[in-house]
Amino acid sequence: MNVSVELTFSPLQDDFEEHIINFIKKLRVSNLTILENPLSTQVFGEYHKVMQVLNIEIETAFELMDKGLLHMKIVKTDRSDYEPHF
């Protein structure tokens, strides 16, 4: 089963950029399909692989910061090839 996950990672501290950049860099080397925009990062792939990577990287990111939050949306389909038709 393939999924699409949208993540918005928000460290609540002054050095937030460093934490976001490190989190995204780790996702990039996961061999999953990653799309980025200024507001979120999308991860696409097989459910178990996506969740395995996210479980490790979210825990690591949370351990490296004092306070923060992560918004996550999961769609049960691979939407990596979505193109708007309007």
PDB file of N, CA and C in Angstrom:
ATOM      1  N   MET A   1       0.851  -1.176   0.000  1.00  0.00           N
ATOM      2  CA  MET A   1       0.000   0.000   0.000  1.00  0.00           C
ATOM      3  C   MET A   1       0.894   1.235   0.000  1.00  0.00           C
ATOM      4  N   ASN A   2       0.651   2.125  -0.930  1.00  0.00           N
ATOM      5  CA  ASN A   2       1.407   3.372  -1.012  1.00  0.00           C
ATOM      6  C   ASN A   2       0.679   4.503  -0.293  1.00  0.00           C
ATOM      7  N   VAL A   3       1.460   5.430   0.246  1.00  0.00           N
ATOM      8  CA  VAL A   3       0.906   6.583   0.948  1.00  0.00           C
ATOM      9  C   VAL A   3       1.626   7.850   0.537  1.00  0.00           C
ATOM     10  N   SER A   4       0.968   8.955   0.800  1.00  0.00           N
ATOM     11  CA  SER A   4       1.536  10.289   0.658  1.00  0.00           C
ATOM     12  C   SER A   4       1.429  10.939   2.027  1.00  0.00           C
ATOM     13  N   VAL A   5       2.517  11.522   2.494  1.00  0.00           N
ATOM     14  CA  VAL A   5       2.532  12.150   3.814  1.00  0.00           C
ATOM     15  C   VAL A   5       3.005  13.587   3.661  1.00  0.00           C
ATOM     16  N   GLU A   6       2.243  14.511   4.220  1.00  0.00           N
ATOM     17  CA  GLU A   6       2.655  15.911   4.232  1.00  0.00           C
ATOM     18  C   GLU A   6       3.076  16.256   5.649  1.00  0.00           C
ATOM     19  N   LEU A   7       4.281  16.816   5.773  1.00  0.00           N
ATOM     20  CA  LEU A   7       4.844  17.166   7.069  1.00  0.00           C
ATOM     21  C   LEU A   7       5.114  18.660   7.148  1.00  0.00           C
ATOM     22  N   THR A   8       4.720  19.253   8.252  1.00  0.00           N
ATOM     23  CA  THR A   8       5.119  20.620   8.561  1.00  0.00           C
ATOM     24  C   THR A   8       5.808  20.562   9.914  1.00  0.00           C
ATOM     25  N   PHE A   9       7.118  20.743   9.907  1.00  0.00           N
ATOM     26  CA  PHE A   9       7.958  20.618  11.093  1.00  0.00           C
ATOM     27  C   PHE A   9       8.265  22.012  11.609  1.00  0.00           C
ATOM     28  N   SER A  10       7.941  22.273  12.876  1.00  0.00           N
ATOM     29  CA  SER A  10       8.085  23.616  13.442  1.00  0.00           C
ATOM     30  C   SER A  10       8.786  23.578  14.797  1.00  0.00           C
ATOM     31  N   PRO A  11      10.116  23.636  14.820  1.00  0.00           N
ATOM     32  CA  PRO A  11      10.805  23.782  16.102  1.00  0.00           C
ATOM     33  C   PRO A  11      10.449  25.140  16.715  1.00  0.00           C
ATOM     34  N   LEU A  12      10.115  25.154  17.968  1.00  0.00           N
ATOM     35  CA  LEU A  12       9.703  26.387  18.643  1.00  0.00           C
ATOM     36  C   LEU A  12      10.870  26.959  19.444  1.00  0.00           C
ATOM     37  N   GLN A  13      11.901  27.370  18.705  1.00  0.00           N
ATOM     38  CA  GLN A  13      13.087  27.939  19.327  1.00  0.00           C
ATOM     39  C   GLN A  13      13.809  28.787  18.294  1.00  0.00           C
ATOM     40  N   ASP A  14      14.742  29.600  18.752  1.00  0.00           N
ATOM     41  CA  ASP A  14      15.410  30.564  17.879  1.00  0.00           C
ATOM     42  C   ASP A  14      16.188  29.930  16.730  1.00  0.00           C
ATOM     43  N   ASP A  15      16.806  28.796  16.944  1.00  0.00           N
ATOM     44  CA  ASP A  15      17.613  28.163  15.892  1.00  0.00           C
ATOM     45  C   ASP A  15      16.807  27.136  15.086  1.00  0.00           C
ATOM     46  N   PHE A  16      15.562  27.472  14.773  1.00  0.00           N
ATOM     47  CA  PHE A  16      14.657  26.543  14.110  1.00  0.00           C
ATOM     48  C   PHE A  16      15.132  26.107  12.726  1.00  0.00           C
ATOM     49  N   GLU A  17      15.771  27.016  11.970  1.00  0.00           N
ATOM     50  CA  GLU A  17      16.177  26.685  10.595  1.00  0.00           C
ATOM     51  C   GLU A  17      17.131  25.494  10.560  1.00  0.00           C
ATOM     52  N   GLU A  18      18.081  25.478  11.441  1.00  0.00           N
ATOM     53  CA  GLU A  18      19.061  24.383  11.507  1.00  0.00           C
ATOM     54  C   GLU A  18      18.355  23.036  11.672  1.00  0.00           C
ATOM     55  N   HIS A  19      17.346  22.982  12.545  1.00  0.00           N
ATOM     56  CA  HIS A  19      16.624  21.737  12.806  1.00  0.00           C
ATOM     57  C   HIS A  19      15.804  21.303  11.598  1.00  0.00           C
ATOM     58  N   ILE A  20      15.167  22.240  10.939  1.00  0.00           N
ATOM     59  CA  ILE A  20      14.370  21.917   9.748  1.00  0.00           C
ATOM     60  C   ILE A  20      15.279  21.402   8.632  1.00  0.00           C
ATOM     61  N   ILE A  21      16.382  22.071   8.396  1.00  0.00           N
ATOM     62  CA  ILE A  21      17.315  21.670   7.340  1.00  0.00           C
ATOM     63  C   ILE A  21      17.854  20.266   7.609  1.00  0.00           C
ATOM     64  N   ASN A  22      18.255  19.990   8.835  1.00  0.00           N
ATOM     65  CA  ASN A  22      18.766  18.655   9.166  1.00  0.00           C
ATOM     66  C   ASN A  22      17.706  17.579   8.972  1.00  0.00           C
ATOM     67  N   PHE A  23      16.475  17.864   9.353  1.00  0.00           N
ATOM     68  CA  PHE A  23      15.367  16.914   9.203  1.00  0.00           C
ATOM     69  C   PHE A  23      15.136  16.606   7.717  1.00  0.00           C
ATOM     70  N   ILE A  24      15.081  17.630   6.884  1.00  0.00           N
ATOM     71  CA  ILE A  24      14.846  17.434   5.458  1.00  0.00           C
ATOM     72  C   ILE A  24      16.012  16.689   4.808  1.00  0.00           C
ATOM     73  N   LYS A  25      17.242  17.015   5.176  1.00  0.00           N
ATOM     74  CA  LYS A  25      18.405  16.316   4.612  1.00  0.00           C
ATOM     75  C   LYS A  25      18.360  14.818   4.915  1.00  0.00           C
ATOM     76  N   LYS A  26      17.937  14.468   6.107  1.00  0.00           N
ATOM     77  CA  LYS A  26      17.835  13.048   6.451  1.00  0.00           C
ATOM     78  C   LYS A  26      16.737  12.367   5.644  1.00  0.00           C
ATOM     79  N   LEU A  27      15.635  13.057   5.401  1.00  0.00           N
ATOM     80  CA  LEU A  27      14.577  12.474   4.577  1.00  0.00           C
ATOM     81  C   LEU A  27      15.053  12.272   3.138  1.00  0.00           C
ATOM     82  N   ARG A  28      15.846  13.199   2.629  1.00  0.00           N
ATOM     83  CA  ARG A  28      16.333  13.122   1.244  1.00  0.00           C
ATOM     84  C   ARG A  28      17.150  11.863   0.978  1.00  0.00           C
ATOM     85  N   VAL A  29      17.888  11.375   1.945  1.00  0.00           N
ATOM     86  CA  VAL A  29      18.742  10.203   1.722  1.00  0.00           C
ATOM     87  C   VAL A  29      18.017   8.880   2.006  1.00  0.00           C
ATOM     88  N   SER A  30      16.715   8.915   2.197  1.00  0.00           N
ATOM     89  CA  SER A  30      15.945   7.731   2.577  1.00  0.00           C
ATOM     90  C   SER A  30      15.540   6.852   1.398  1.00  0.00           C
ATOM     91  N   ASN A  31      15.803   7.280   0.161  1.00  0.00           N
ATOM     92  CA  ASN A  31      15.357   6.581  -1.049  1.00  0.00           C
ATOM     93  C   ASN A  31      13.848   6.614  -1.237  1.00  0.00           C
ATOM     94  N   LEU A  32      13.167   7.474  -0.506  1.00  0.00           N
ATOM     95  CA  LEU A  32      11.744   7.720  -0.734  1.00  0.00           C
ATOM     96  C   LEU A  32      11.628   8.920  -1.664  1.00  0.00           C
ATOM     97  N   THR A  33      10.464   9.104  -2.273  1.00  0.00           N
ATOM     98  CA  THR A  33      10.230  10.290  -3.095  1.00  0.00           C
ATOM     99  C   THR A  33       9.900  11.434  -2.160  1.00  0.00           C
ATOM    100  N   ILE A  34      10.653  12.529  -2.264  1.00  0.00           N
ATOM    101  CA  ILE A  34      10.487  13.694  -1.395  1.00  0.00           C
ATOM    102  C   ILE A  34      10.241  14.921  -2.269  1.00  0.00           C
ATOM    103  N   LEU A  35       9.207  15.675  -1.955  1.00  0.00           N
ATOM    104  CA  LEU A  35       8.949  16.966  -2.599  1.00  0.00           C
ATOM    105  C   LEU A  35       8.906  18.017  -1.502  1.00  0.00           C
ATOM    106  N   GLU A  36       9.504  19.157  -1.769  1.00  0.00           N
ATOM    107  CA  GLU A  36       9.571  20.224  -0.769  1.00  0.00           C
ATOM    108  C   GLU A  36       8.977  21.506  -1.323  1.00  0.00           C
ATOM    109  N   ASN A  37       8.380  22.276  -0.445  1.00  0.00           N
ATOM    110  CA  ASN A  37       7.954  23.633  -0.776  1.00  0.00           C
ATOM    111  C   ASN A  37       8.177  24.484   0.474  1.00  0.00           C
ATOM    112  N   PRO A  38       7.956  25.785   0.408  1.00  0.00           N
ATOM    113  CA  PRO A  38       8.252  26.635   1.575  1.00  0.00           C
ATOM    114  C   PRO A  38       7.435  26.322   2.831  1.00  0.00           C
ATOM    115  N   LEU A  39       6.303  25.639   2.687  1.00  0.00           N
ATOM    116  CA  LEU A  39       5.439  25.403   3.840  1.00  0.00           C
ATOM    117  C   LEU A  39       5.460  23.982   4.374  1.00  0.00           C
ATOM    118  N   SER A  40       5.873  23.019   3.541  1.00  0.00           N
ATOM    119  CA  SER A  40       5.837  21.635   3.996  1.00  0.00           C
ATOM    120  C   SER A  40       6.756  20.759   3.158  1.00  0.00           C
ATOM    121  N   THR A  41       6.886  19.531   3.613  1.00  0.00           N
ATOM    122  CA  THR A  41       7.650  18.511   2.899  1.00  0.00           C
ATOM    123  C   THR A  41       6.721  17.329   2.696  1.00  0.00           C
ATOM    124  N   GLN A  42       6.691  16.797   1.476  1.00  0.00           N
ATOM    125  CA  GLN A  42       5.862  15.638   1.189  1.00  0.00           C
ATOM    126  C   GLN A  42       6.763  14.426   0.993  1.00  0.00           C
ATOM    127  N   VAL A  43       6.314  13.292   1.541  1.00  0.00           N
ATOM    128  CA  VAL A  43       7.041  12.036   1.448  1.00  0.00           C
ATOM    129  C   VAL A  43       6.089  11.019   0.821  1.00  0.00           C
ATOM    130  N   PHE A  44       6.587  10.270  -0.174  1.00  0.00           N
ATOM    131  CA  PHE A  44       5.755   9.313  -0.902  1.00  0.00           C
ATOM    132  C   PHE A  44       6.442   7.962  -0.938  1.00  0.00           C
ATOM    133  N   GLY A  45       5.669   6.906  -0.770  1.00  0.00           N
ATOM    134  CA  GLY A  45       6.249   5.573  -0.865  1.00  0.00           C
ATOM    135  C   GLY A  45       5.380   4.528  -0.227  1.00  0.00           C
ATOM    136  N   GLU A  46       5.960   3.335  -0.104  1.00  0.00           N
ATOM    137  CA  GLU A  46       5.260   2.208   0.495  1.00  0.00           C
ATOM    138  C   GLU A  46       5.076   2.486   1.989  1.00  0.00           C
ATOM    139  N   TYR A  47       3.882   2.220   2.494  1.00  0.00           N
ATOM    140  CA  TYR A  47       3.483   2.591   3.848  1.00  0.00           C
ATOM    141  C   TYR A  47       4.519   2.208   4.908  1.00  0.00           C
ATOM    142  N   HIS A  48       4.910   0.943   4.940  1.00  0.00           N
ATOM    143  CA  HIS A  48       5.812   0.490   6.007  1.00  0.00           C
ATOM    144  C   HIS A  48       7.177   1.166   5.926  1.00  0.00           C
ATOM    145  N   LYS A  49       7.681   1.378   4.722  1.00  0.00           N
ATOM    146  CA  LYS A  49       8.980   2.048   4.559  1.00  0.00           C
ATOM    147  C   LYS A  49       8.884   3.516   4.983  1.00  0.00           C
ATOM    148  N   VAL A  50       7.825   4.208   4.543  1.00  0.00           N
ATOM    149  CA  VAL A  50       7.628   5.613   4.918  1.00  0.00           C
ATOM    150  C   VAL A  50       7.549   5.741   6.433  1.00  0.00           C
ATOM    151  N   MET A  51       6.735   4.909   7.068  1.00  0.00           N
ATOM    152  CA  MET A  51       6.546   5.008   8.509  1.00  0.00           C
ATOM    153  C   MET A  51       7.810   4.638   9.282  1.00  0.00           C
ATOM    154  N   GLN A  52       8.566   3.682   8.759  1.00  0.00           N
ATOM    155  CA  GLN A  52       9.833   3.313   9.396  1.00  0.00           C
ATOM    156  C   GLN A  52      10.800   4.496   9.386  1.00  0.00           C
ATOM    157  N   VAL A  53      10.940   5.140   8.233  1.00  0.00           N
ATOM    158  CA  VAL A  53      11.831   6.302   8.113  1.00  0.00           C
ATOM    159  C   VAL A  53      11.334   7.441   9.001  1.00  0.00           C
ATOM    160  N   LEU A  54      10.043   7.754   8.926  1.00  0.00           N
ATOM    161  CA  LEU A  54       9.506   8.864   9.714  1.00  0.00           C
ATOM    162  C   LEU A  54       9.631   8.605  11.207  1.00  0.00           C
ATOM    163  N   ASN A  55       9.396   7.390  11.640  1.00  0.00           N
ATOM    164  CA  ASN A  55       9.510   7.056  13.061  1.00  0.00           C
ATOM    165  C   ASN A  55      10.914   7.366  13.579  1.00  0.00           C
ATOM    166  N   ILE A  56      11.915   6.971  12.837  1.00  0.00           N
ATOM    167  CA  ILE A  56      13.312   7.214  13.241  1.00  0.00           C
ATOM    168  C   ILE A  56      13.645   8.700  13.183  1.00  0.00           C
ATOM    169  N   GLU A  57      13.329   9.350  12.065  1.00  0.00           N
ATOM    170  CA  GLU A  57      13.756  10.742  11.870  1.00  0.00           C
ATOM    171  C   GLU A  57      12.980  11.728  12.732  1.00  0.00           C
ATOM    172  N   ILE A  58      11.717  11.476  12.985  1.00  0.00           N
ATOM    173  CA  ILE A  58      10.955  12.359  13.878  1.00  0.00           C
ATOM    174  C   ILE A  58      11.488  12.244  15.301  1.00  0.00           C
ATOM    175  N   GLU A  59      11.731  11.032  15.752  1.00  0.00           N
ATOM    176  CA  GLU A  59      12.275  10.857  17.104  1.00  0.00           C
ATOM    177  C   GLU A  59      13.638  11.537  17.242  1.00  0.00           C
ATOM    178  N   THR A  60      14.498  11.361  16.247  1.00  0.00           N
ATOM    179  CA  THR A  60      15.816  11.996  16.271  1.00  0.00           C
ATOM    180  C   THR A  60      15.684  13.516  16.315  1.00  0.00           C
ATOM    181  N   ALA A  61      14.820  14.062  15.460  1.00  0.00           N
ATOM    182  CA  ALA A  61      14.630  15.519  15.408  1.00  0.00           C
ATOM    183  C   ALA A  61      14.102  16.055  16.736  1.00  0.00           C
ATOM    184  N   PHE A  62      13.158  15.340  17.338  1.00  0.00           N
ATOM    185  CA  PHE A  62      12.607  15.784  18.618  1.00  0.00           C
ATOM    186  C   PHE A  62      13.660  15.726  19.730  1.00  0.00           C
ATOM    187  N   GLU A  63      14.531  14.734  19.690  1.00  0.00           N
ATOM    188  CA  GLU A  63      15.567  14.633  20.712  1.00  0.00           C
ATOM    189  C   GLU A  63      16.581  15.770  20.615  1.00  0.00           C
ATOM    190  N   LEU A  64      16.760  16.333  19.412  1.00  0.00           N
ATOM    191  CA  LEU A  64      17.764  17.379  19.196  1.00  0.00           C
ATOM    192  C   LEU A  64      17.251  18.794  19.449  1.00  0.00           C
ATOM    193  N   MET A  65      15.976  18.945  19.784  1.00  0.00           N
ATOM    194  CA  MET A  65      15.448  20.284  20.037  1.00  0.00           C
ATOM    195  C   MET A  65      14.752  20.324  21.389  1.00  0.00           C
ATOM    196  N   ASP A  66      14.580  21.553  21.890  1.00  0.00           N
ATOM    197  CA  ASP A  66      13.933  21.720  23.186  1.00  0.00           C
ATOM    198  C   ASP A  66      12.420  21.592  23.081  1.00  0.00           C
ATOM    199  N   LYS A  67      11.825  22.335  22.137  1.00  0.00           N
ATOM    200  CA  LYS A  67      10.371  22.356  21.965  1.00  0.00           C
ATOM    201  C   LYS A  67      10.059  22.402  20.483  1.00  0.00           C
ATOM    202  N   GLY A  68       8.966  21.786  20.106  1.00  0.00           N
ATOM    203  CA  GLY A  68       8.585  21.829  18.702  1.00  0.00           C
ATOM    204  C   GLY A  68       7.315  21.057  18.458  1.00  0.00           C
ATOM    205  N   LEU A  69       6.840  21.170  17.231  1.00  0.00           N
ATOM    206  CA  LEU A  69       5.655  20.428  16.847  1.00  0.00           C
ATOM    207  C   LEU A  69       5.789  19.978  15.401  1.00  0.00           C
ATOM    208  N   LEU A  70       5.025  18.960  15.067  1.00  0.00           N
ATOM    209  CA  LEU A  70       5.033  18.417  13.726  1.00  0.00           C
ATOM    210  C   LEU A  70       3.591  18.108  13.339  1.00  0.00           C
ATOM    211  N   HIS A  71       3.139  18.715  12.242  1.00  0.00           N
ATOM    212  CA  HIS A  71       1.821  18.417  11.685  1.00  0.00           C
ATOM    213  C   HIS A  71       2.027  17.375  10.605  1.00  0.00           C
ATOM    214  N   MET A  72       1.188  16.328  10.611  1.00  0.00           N
ATOM    215  CA  MET A  72       1.323  15.276   9.624  1.00  0.00           C
ATOM    216  C   MET A  72      -0.051  14.925   9.058  1.00  0.00           C
ATOM    217  N   LYS A  73      -0.115  14.850   7.723  1.00  0.00           N
ATOM    218  CA  LYS A  73      -1.318  14.387   7.033  1.00  0.00           C
ATOM    219  C   LYS A  73      -0.914  13.166   6.226  1.00  0.00           C
ATOM    220  N   ILE A  74      -1.736  12.114   6.270  1.00  0.00           N
ATOM    221  CA  ILE A  74      -1.445  10.893   5.531  1.00  0.00           C
ATOM    222  C   ILE A  74      -2.615  10.593   4.603  1.00  0.00           C
ATOM    223  N   VAL A  75      -2.289  10.351   3.341  1.00  0.00           N
ATOM    224  CA  VAL A  75      -3.289   9.995   2.336  1.00  0.00           C
ATOM    225  C   VAL A  75      -2.965   8.590   1.845  1.00  0.00           C
ATOM    226  N   LYS A  76      -3.978   7.752   1.742  1.00  0.00           N
ATOM    227  CA  LYS A  76      -3.752   6.371   1.314  1.00  0.00           C
ATOM    228  C   LYS A  76      -3.716   6.270  -0.214  1.00  0.00           C
ATOM    229  N   THR A  77      -2.703   6.833  -0.802  1.00  0.00           N
ATOM    230  CA  THR A  77      -2.408   6.738  -2.226  1.00  0.00           C
ATOM    231  C   THR A  77      -1.121   7.507  -2.483  1.00  0.00           C
ATOM    232  N   ASP A  78      -0.461   7.210  -3.565  1.00  0.00           N
ATOM    233  CA  ASP A  78       0.743   7.943  -3.934  1.00  0.00           C
ATOM    234  C   ASP A  78       0.329   9.098  -4.832  1.00  0.00           C
ATOM    235  N   ARG A  79       0.441  10.311  -4.314  1.00  0.00           N
ATOM    236  CA  ARG A  79       0.030  11.519  -5.043  1.00  0.00           C
ATOM    237  C   ARG A  79       1.235  12.286  -5.585  1.00  0.00           C
ATOM    238  N   SER A  80       2.387  11.632  -5.699  1.00  0.00           N
ATOM    239  CA  SER A  80       3.605  12.328  -6.122  1.00  0.00           C
ATOM    240  C   SER A  80       3.545  12.842  -7.554  1.00  0.00           C
ATOM    241  N   ASP A  81       2.652  12.291  -8.365  1.00  0.00           N
ATOM    242  CA  ASP A  81       2.549  12.752  -9.758  1.00  0.00           C
ATOM    243  C   ASP A  81       1.374  13.693  -9.977  1.00  0.00           C
ATOM    244  N   TYR A  82       0.785  14.221  -8.899  1.00  0.00           N
ATOM    245  CA  TYR A  82      -0.369  15.124  -9.001  1.00  0.00           C
ATOM    246  C   TYR A  82      -0.012  16.403  -9.752  1.00  0.00           C
ATOM    247  N   GLU A  83      -0.847  16.764 -10.686  1.00  0.00           N
ATOM    248  CA  GLU A  83      -0.742  18.038 -11.385  1.00  0.00           C
ATOM    249  C   GLU A  83      -2.116  18.679 -11.412  1.00  0.00           C
ATOM    250  N   PRO A  84      -2.236  19.920 -10.976  1.00  0.00           N
ATOM    251  CA  PRO A  84      -3.547  20.581 -11.009  1.00  0.00           C
ATOM    252  C   PRO A  84      -4.019  20.795 -12.449  1.00  0.00           C
ATOM    253  N   HIS A  85      -5.315  20.680 -12.634  1.00  0.00           N
ATOM    254  CA  HIS A  85      -5.906  20.836 -13.971  1.00  0.00           C
ATOM    255  C   HIS A  85      -6.812  22.057 -14.016  1.00  0.00           C
ATOM    256  N   PHE A  86      -6.327  23.169 -13.560  1.00  0.00           N
ATOM    257  CA  PHE A  86      -7.107  24.418 -13.611  1.00  0.00           C
ATOM    258  C   PHE A  86      -6.223  25.577 -13.959  1.00  0.00           C
TER     259      PHE A  86
END
